[in-house]
Amino acid sequence: MWDPVEYLAFADHRSRPFFDLVGRVAAAAPRRVVDLGCGPGNLTATLAARWPSARIEASDSSAEMVAAALERGIDASVLDVRDWQPAADTDVVVSNAVLQWVPGHGELLARWVKQLPRRAWLAFQVPGNFGAPSHVRVRELAASPRWRDRLEPLVLREDDAVLDPEGYASLLSDAGCAVDAWETTYLQRLTGADPVLEWVTGTALRPIRTALSDVDWAQFRAELAPVLRAEYPRRADGTTWFPFRRVFVVARTP
């Protein structure tokens, strides 16, 4: 279950990669702009503002996120990204931090390229932080004797979650696209007693939260908190540095 309020607690940090991604899309007057994984709709609204003549299509797999988007006036629907089919007038597709949840999404990207109209834009970014201490320590705790049976299969791993920029560039180039792929590590300055724990709670820990009772969830967080504090110590000014790598791809269909 996604919590829109929890997710938006770091809205500024989570939105910056979106704008860096969309800034590389040079579509002038697209007919339809699609936001796959629109979340609470706060960023979808910026697509409507940039392309006011376009039809905006938004969807998310989370009913809670879609409800939040609808409250913002975004015409969003509940949809698994794997079930999406592009309409004939789809000129821009944006997917922000979604595809890491879809095993084998390379095949999905190749299918979209075939289905999209010619010269359409496909832009997506995925977190590339699965090898960072924030994610490694989560995997280690999930694999510990207390939690292994219930949690170990639920945690994303770097080697099967996302590709690196060259991997995506090769995949989409082989499909005939012109591709711009890159990576960026953001040095995020977080505040609060356990800011990295709160960050991963809003994203990476979501499958774990869903699998646990309230009591077990509280216990899991209590075990994880000191580990993350040791990996990401608080500075004298009360803030915490949290490096976060992301992988970006902007492709244009042949």
Protein backbone atom coordinates (compact mmCIF):
# COMPACT_ATOMS: atom_id res chain seq x y z
CA MET A 1 0.00 0.00 0.00
CA TRP A 2 1.31 3.44 -0.96
CA ASP A 3 0.85 6.35 1.42
CA PRO A 4 0.63 9.65 -0.52
CA VAL A 5 1.34 11.75 2.58
CA GLU A 6 4.42 9.73 3.46
CA TYR A 7 5.63 9.83 -0.14
CA LEU A 8 5.22 13.61 -0.36
CA ALA A 9 7.22 14.15 2.85
CA PHE A 10 10.27 14.35 0.55
CA ALA A 11 8.46 15.97 -2.37
CA ASP A 12 11.29 18.34 -3.28
CA HIS A 13 13.93 15.61 -3.45
CA ARG A 14 11.63 13.21 -5.30
CA SER A 15 10.50 15.82 -7.84
CA ARG A 16 13.94 17.06 -8.91
CA PRO A 17 14.77 13.93 -10.99
CA PHE A 18 11.37 14.25 -12.68
CA PHE A 19 12.15 17.78 -13.87
CA ASP A 20 15.67 16.79 -14.93
CA LEU A 21 14.12 14.00 -16.99
CA VAL A 22 11.28 15.94 -18.59
CA GLY A 23 13.62 18.82 -19.33
CA ARG A 24 15.27 16.62 -21.97
CA VAL A 25 11.98 15.98 -23.79
CA ALA A 26 11.84 18.45 -26.67
CA ALA A 27 8.28 17.81 -27.81
CA ALA A 28 6.72 21.06 -29.02
CA ALA A 29 2.99 20.36 -29.23
CA PRO A 30 2.26 16.74 -28.34
CA ARG A 31 -1.27 15.46 -28.85
CA ARG A 32 -1.31 13.14 -25.82
CA VAL A 33 1.07 13.07 -22.85
CA VAL A 34 0.99 9.97 -20.65
CA ASP A 35 2.20 9.79 -17.05
CA LEU A 36 2.67 6.13 -16.08
CA GLY A 37 2.91 5.89 -12.30
CA CYS A 38 1.50 9.34 -11.65
CA GLY A 39 1.54 8.96 -7.86
CA PRO A 40 -0.44 11.70 -6.09
CA GLY A 41 -0.54 13.81 -9.27
CA ASN A 42 1.60 16.71 -8.10
CA LEU A 43 4.05 16.23 -10.98
CA THR A 44 1.40 15.28 -13.53
CA ALA A 45 -0.02 18.78 -13.07
CA THR A 46 3.27 20.24 -14.32
CA LEU A 47 2.94 18.24 -17.55
CA ALA A 48 -0.47 19.79 -18.13
CA ALA A 49 0.99 23.24 -17.50
CA ARG A 50 3.87 22.69 -19.93
CA TRP A 51 1.69 21.26 -22.71
CA PRO A 52 -1.72 22.90 -22.20
CA SER A 53 -3.11 21.71 -25.55
CA ALA A 54 -2.24 18.07 -24.94
CA ARG A 55 -4.59 15.45 -23.58
CA ILE A 56 -3.09 14.28 -20.28
CA GLU A 57 -3.44 10.58 -19.48
CA ALA A 58 -2.42 9.51 -15.98
CA SER A 59 -2.45 6.19 -14.17
CA ASP A 60 -1.00 4.43 -11.16
CA SER A 61 -1.25 0.93 -9.73
CA SER A 62 -2.09 2.32 -6.27
CA ALA A 63 -5.71 3.21 -5.58
CA GLU A 64 -4.54 5.47 -2.74
CA MET A 65 -2.25 7.43 -5.07
CA VAL A 66 -4.96 7.72 -7.73
CA ALA A 67 -7.41 9.02 -5.13
CA ALA A 68 -4.88 11.70 -4.15
CA ALA A 69 -4.37 12.63 -7.82
CA LEU A 70 -8.12 12.90 -8.38
CA GLU A 71 -8.33 15.29 -5.43
CA ARG A 72 -5.80 17.49 -7.26
CA GLY A 73 -8.02 17.54 -10.33
CA ILE A 74 -5.94 15.05 -12.32
CA ASP A 75 -7.99 12.64 -14.42
CA ALA A 76 -6.16 9.52 -13.23
CA SER A 77 -7.08 5.84 -13.25
CA VAL A 78 -5.89 2.69 -11.49
CA LEU A 79 -3.79 0.66 -13.91
CA ASP A 80 -0.86 -1.75 -13.77
CA VAL A 81 1.86 -0.31 -16.00
CA ARG A 82 2.27 -3.75 -17.61
CA ASP A 83 -1.29 -3.53 -18.91
CA TRP A 84 -0.96 -0.09 -20.49
CA GLN A 85 -1.48 0.17 -24.24
CA PRO A 86 -0.60 3.45 -26.02
CA ALA A 87 -3.34 5.27 -27.89
CA ALA A 88 -2.60 6.14 -31.52
CA ASP A 89 -1.98 9.82 -30.66
CA THR A 90 0.49 9.23 -27.82
CA ASP A 91 3.42 11.55 -28.46
CA VAL A 92 5.04 11.66 -25.00
CA VAL A 93 5.31 8.94 -22.33
CA VAL A 94 6.81 9.71 -18.94
CA SER A 95 7.48 7.13 -16.23
CA ASN A 96 9.07 8.43 -13.04
CA ALA A 97 10.58 5.87 -10.62
CA VAL A 98 8.19 3.07 -11.59
CA LEU A 99 9.91 0.49 -13.79
CA GLN A 100 12.20 -0.79 -11.03
CA TRP A 101 9.09 -2.51 -9.63
CA VAL A 102 8.48 -4.37 -12.92
CA PRO A 103 10.64 -7.47 -13.44
CA GLY A 104 11.80 -7.82 -17.01
CA HIS A 105 10.68 -4.31 -17.95
CA GLY A 106 13.13 -4.29 -20.83
CA GLU A 107 10.64 -6.37 -22.79
CA LEU A 108 7.94 -3.88 -21.87
CA LEU A 109 10.01 -0.99 -23.19
CA ALA A 110 10.66 -2.81 -26.46
CA ARG A 111 6.93 -3.45 -26.87
CA TRP A 112 6.08 0.20 -26.24
CA VAL A 113 8.57 1.30 -28.90
CA LYS A 114 6.77 -0.89 -31.44
CA GLN A 115 3.33 0.35 -30.41
CA LEU A 116 4.04 4.08 -30.14
CA PRO A 117 3.65 6.35 -33.18
CA ARG A 118 6.75 7.39 -35.06
CA ARG A 119 8.92 10.07 -33.44
CA ALA A 120 7.21 9.69 -30.07
CA TRP A 121 9.14 10.48 -26.89
CA LEU A 122 9.67 7.85 -24.17
CA ALA A 123 11.23 9.22 -20.98
CA PHE A 124 11.82 7.36 -17.73
CA GLN A 125 14.04 7.37 -14.70
CA VAL A 126 14.68 4.64 -12.14
CA PRO A 127 16.58 4.65 -8.85
CA GLY A 128 20.05 3.16 -9.12
CA ASN A 129 20.70 3.06 -5.40
CA PHE A 130 20.22 -0.64 -4.77
CA GLY A 131 23.91 -1.13 -3.98
CA ALA A 132 23.94 1.72 -1.43
CA PRO A 133 24.02 1.05 2.33
CA SER A 134 20.39 2.15 2.66
CA HIS A 135 19.27 -0.76 0.50
CA VAL A 136 21.98 -3.28 1.37
CA ARG A 137 21.14 -3.06 5.08
CA VAL A 138 17.46 -3.54 4.35
CA ARG A 139 18.26 -6.69 2.38
CA GLU A 140 20.49 -7.98 5.16
CA LEU A 141 17.83 -7.44 7.80
CA ALA A 142 15.14 -9.01 5.61
CA ALA A 143 17.41 -12.06 5.20
CA SER A 144 18.04 -12.45 8.94
CA PRO A 145 16.54 -15.50 10.71
CA ARG A 146 13.65 -13.55 12.27
CA TRP A 147 12.40 -12.12 8.96
CA ARG A 148 13.78 -14.35 6.20
CA ASP A 149 10.74 -16.50 5.43
CA ARG A 150 8.38 -13.58 5.07
CA LEU A 151 10.54 -10.78 3.72
CA GLU A 152 13.63 -11.87 1.81
CA PRO A 153 11.84 -12.43 -1.54
CA LEU A 154 10.17 -8.98 -1.33
CA VAL A 155 13.29 -6.81 -1.42
CA LEU A 156 14.54 -5.42 -4.73
CA ARG A 157 18.10 -6.25 -5.74
CA GLU A 158 20.30 -4.15 -8.01
CA ASP A 159 21.18 -6.97 -10.41
CA ASP A 160 17.56 -7.73 -11.28
CA ALA A 161 15.81 -4.38 -10.68
CA VAL A 162 17.35 -1.94 -13.18
CA LEU A 163 19.96 -1.64 -15.91
CA ASP A 164 22.74 0.91 -16.08
CA PRO A 165 22.55 3.73 -18.67
CA GLU A 166 24.47 1.73 -21.28
CA GLY A 167 22.14 -1.23 -20.81
CA TYR A 168 19.05 0.86 -21.49
CA ALA A 169 20.74 2.73 -24.32
CA SER A 170 21.70 -0.51 -26.03
CA LEU A 171 18.23 -1.99 -25.60
CA LEU A 172 16.44 1.01 -27.07
CA SER A 173 19.02 1.68 -29.78
CA ASP A 174 18.62 -1.91 -30.94
CA ALA A 175 14.89 -1.18 -31.15
CA GLY A 176 15.63 1.68 -33.54
CA CYS A 177 15.37 4.64 -31.14
CA ALA A 178 17.55 7.68 -30.77
CA VAL A 179 18.61 7.53 -27.13
CA ASP A 180 19.95 9.89 -24.48
CA ALA A 181 20.89 7.97 -21.32
CA TRP A 182 22.77 9.15 -18.25
CA GLU A 183 23.04 8.82 -14.48
CA THR A 184 23.19 11.35 -11.67
CA THR A 185 23.98 10.99 -7.99
CA TYR A 186 22.09 13.57 -5.94
CA LEU A 187 23.61 14.46 -2.59
CA GLN A 188 20.40 14.98 -0.66
CA ARG A 189 20.41 16.87 2.61
CA LEU A 190 17.76 15.38 4.89
CA THR A 191 16.48 16.46 8.28
CA GLY A 192 14.92 14.63 11.20
CA ALA A 193 15.89 11.96 13.71
CA ASP A 194 15.85 9.05 11.23
CA PRO A 195 15.57 10.67 7.80
CA VAL A 196 16.99 7.80 5.74
CA LEU A 197 14.62 5.37 7.44
CA GLU A 198 11.71 7.67 6.64
CA TRP A 199 12.91 7.98 3.04
CA VAL A 200 13.03 4.23 2.41
CA THR A 201 9.75 3.78 4.30
CA GLY A 202 8.01 5.80 1.59
CA THR A 203 9.41 3.68 -1.26
CA ALA A 204 11.73 0.68 -0.86
CA LEU A 205 10.07 -0.62 2.31
CA ARG A 206 6.56 -0.51 0.90
CA PRO A 207 6.38 -4.27 0.09
CA ILE A 208 7.71 -5.06 3.56
CA ARG A 209 5.15 -2.81 5.23
CA THR A 210 2.37 -4.55 3.32
CA ALA A 211 3.57 -7.99 4.43
CA LEU A 212 3.82 -7.23 8.15
CA SER A 213 1.35 -6.59 10.94
CA ASP A 214 1.54 -3.26 12.74
CA VAL A 215 3.47 -4.87 15.61
CA ASP A 216 6.00 -6.59 13.36
CA TRP A 217 6.38 -3.47 11.22
CA ALA A 218 7.24 -1.43 14.30
CA GLN A 219 9.79 -4.08 15.32
CA PHE A 220 11.37 -4.17 11.85
CA ARG A 221 11.75 -0.39 11.84
CA ALA A 222 13.18 -0.47 15.35
CA GLU A 223 15.86 -2.93 14.23
CA LEU A 224 16.65 -1.03 11.04
CA ALA A 225 16.81 2.49 12.50
CA PRO A 226 20.14 2.25 14.39
CA VAL A 227 21.78 0.47 11.46
CA LEU A 228 20.86 3.29 9.08
CA ARG A 229 21.88 5.94 11.63
CA ALA A 230 25.33 4.34 11.76
CA GLU A 231 25.61 4.30 7.95
CA TYR A 232 24.32 7.87 7.58
CA PRO A 233 25.39 9.80 10.69
CA ARG A 234 23.76 13.07 11.57
CA ARG A 235 25.94 16.14 11.11
CA ALA A 236 26.58 18.73 13.79
CA ASP A 237 23.92 20.97 12.26
CA GLY A 238 21.29 18.22 12.60
CA THR A 239 21.14 17.29 8.93
CA THR A 240 22.10 14.06 7.18
CA TRP A 241 23.74 13.60 3.79
CA PHE A 242 22.05 10.90 1.70
CA PRO A 243 23.62 10.23 -1.73
CA PHE A 244 21.07 8.84 -4.19
CA ARG A 245 21.93 7.60 -7.69
CA ARG A 246 19.34 7.66 -10.47
CA VAL A 247 19.38 6.41 -14.06
CA PHE A 248 17.70 8.48 -16.79
CA VAL A 249 16.65 7.58 -20.32
CA VAL A 250 15.00 9.71 -23.00
CA ALA A 251 14.35 7.88 -26.26
CA ARG A 252 12.61 8.82 -29.49
CA THR A 253 10.94 6.16 -31.56
CA PRO A 254 12.05 5.61 -35.16
